[in-house]
C-alpha atoms as a PDB file:
ATOM      1  CA  MET A   1     151.072 -70.779-123.261  1.00  0.00           C
ATOM      2  CA  SER A   2     152.710 -73.300-126.078  1.00  0.00           C
ATOM      3  CA  GLN A   3     154.903 -75.087-123.251  1.00  0.00           C
ATOM      4  CA  LEU A   4     151.671 -75.453-121.224  1.00  0.00           C
ATOM      5  CA  LEU A   5     149.795 -77.166-124.191  1.00  0.00           C
ATOM      6  CA  GLY A   6     153.238 -78.886-125.379  1.00  0.00           C
ATOM      7  CA  ASN A   7     152.925 -81.096-122.079  1.00  0.00           C
ATOM      8  CA  VAL A   8     149.484 -82.197-122.608  1.00  0.00           C
ATOM      9  CA  SER A   9     149.008 -85.281-124.717  1.00  0.00           C
ATOM     10  CA  GLY A  10     146.605 -85.010-127.351  1.00  0.00           C
ATOM     11  CA  ALA A  11     146.287 -80.781-127.149  1.00  0.00           C
ATOM     12  CA  ASP A  12     146.789 -80.437-130.761  1.00  0.00           C
ATOM     13  CA  VAL A  13     143.277 -82.487-131.301  1.00  0.00           C
ATOM     14  CA  TYR A  14     141.679 -79.862-129.054  1.00  0.00           C
ATOM     15  CA  LEU A  15     143.101 -77.021-130.825  1.00  0.00           C
ATOM     16  CA  ILE A  16     142.178 -77.898-134.257  1.00  0.00           C
ATOM     17  CA  ILE A  17     138.609 -78.969-133.158  1.00  0.00           C
ATOM     18  CA  SER A  18     138.210 -75.512-131.712  1.00  0.00           C
ATOM     19  CA  LEU A  19     139.389 -73.869-134.826  1.00  0.00           C
ATOM     20  CA  VAL A  20     136.819 -76.028-136.897  1.00  0.00           C
ATOM     21  CA  ILE A  21     134.011 -74.820-134.465  1.00  0.00           C
ATOM     22  CA  PHE A  22     135.013 -71.349-134.738  1.00  0.00           C
ATOM     23  CA  MET A  23     135.303 -71.448-138.489  1.00  0.00           C
ATOM     24  CA  LEU A  24     131.740 -73.421-138.865  1.00  0.00           C
ATOM     25  CA  VAL A  25     129.938 -70.766-136.501  1.00  0.00           C
ATOM     26  CA  PHE A  26     131.482 -67.686-138.448  1.00  0.00           C
ATOM     27  CA  VAL A  27     130.656 -69.380-141.658  1.00  0.00           C
ATOM     28  CA  MET A  28     127.131 -70.132-140.826  1.00  0.00           C
ATOM     29  CA  ALA A  29     126.660 -66.839-139.272  1.00  0.00           C
ATOM     30  CA  THR A  30     127.993 -65.218-142.600  1.00  0.00           C
ATOM     31  CA  ILE A  31     125.723 -67.109-144.801  1.00  0.00           C
ATOM     32  CA  TYR A  32     122.581 -66.264-142.338  1.00  0.00           C
ATOM     33  CA  MET A  33     123.357 -62.649-142.944  1.00  0.00           C
ATOM     34  CA  LEU A  34     123.695 -62.997-146.667  1.00  0.00           C
ATOM     35  CA  VAL A  35     120.458 -64.982-146.888  1.00  0.00           C
ATOM     36  CA  ILE A  36     118.188 -63.118-144.596  1.00  0.00           C
ATOM     37  CA  PRO A  37     115.696 -60.919-146.149  1.00  0.00           C
ATOM     38  CA  LYS A  38     116.154 -57.209-146.095  1.00  0.00           C
ATOM     39  CA  GLN A  39     112.876 -56.431-144.647  1.00  0.00           C
ATOM     40  CA  THR A  40     113.717 -58.495-141.809  1.00  0.00           C
ATOM     41  CA  LEU A  41     116.934 -56.361-141.691  1.00  0.00           C
ATOM     42  CA  LYS A  42     115.057 -53.334-141.579  1.00  0.00           C
ATOM     43  CA  THR A  43     112.524 -54.560-139.013  1.00  0.00           C
ATOM     44  CA  ILE A  44     115.262 -55.599-136.311  1.00  0.00           C
ATOM     45  CA  SER A  45     117.450 -52.573-136.904  1.00  0.00           C
ATOM     46  CA  GLU A  46     114.482 -50.428-135.982  1.00  0.00           C
ATOM     47  CA  ILE A  47     113.521 -51.877-132.888  1.00  0.00           C
ATOM     48  CA  PRO A  48     115.531 -49.797-130.493  1.00  0.00           C
ATOM     49  CA  LEU A  49     113.960 -46.625-132.295  1.00  0.00           C
ATOM     50  CA  ASN A  50     110.109 -48.111-132.238  1.00  0.00           C
ATOM     51  CA  ASP A  51     108.219 -46.863-129.171  1.00  0.00           C
ATOM     52  CA  GLU A  52     104.825 -48.586-130.679  1.00  0.00           C
ATOM     53  CA  ASP A  53     104.971 -51.363-128.039  1.00  0.00           C
ATOM     54  CA  TYR A  54     106.291 -48.941-125.227  1.00  0.00           C
ATOM     55  CA  GLU A  55     103.667 -48.738-122.392  1.00  0.00           C
ATOM     56  CA  GLU A  56     104.416 -46.324-119.744  1.00  0.00           C
ATOM     57  CA  GLU A  57     103.790 -48.017-116.107  1.00  0.00           C
END
């Protein structure tokens, strides 16, 4: 794989950009999970178990 990327000029730039994008998304998701209100997490976690909105057809 490194030989394939080594033959492409500017491949290191793409690798660094992809790593930076991955890290930004990971950090943003972590911050979002730390900031989200606990009640919202509780509501989201109970969605699969909540049958209030289920209507049988």
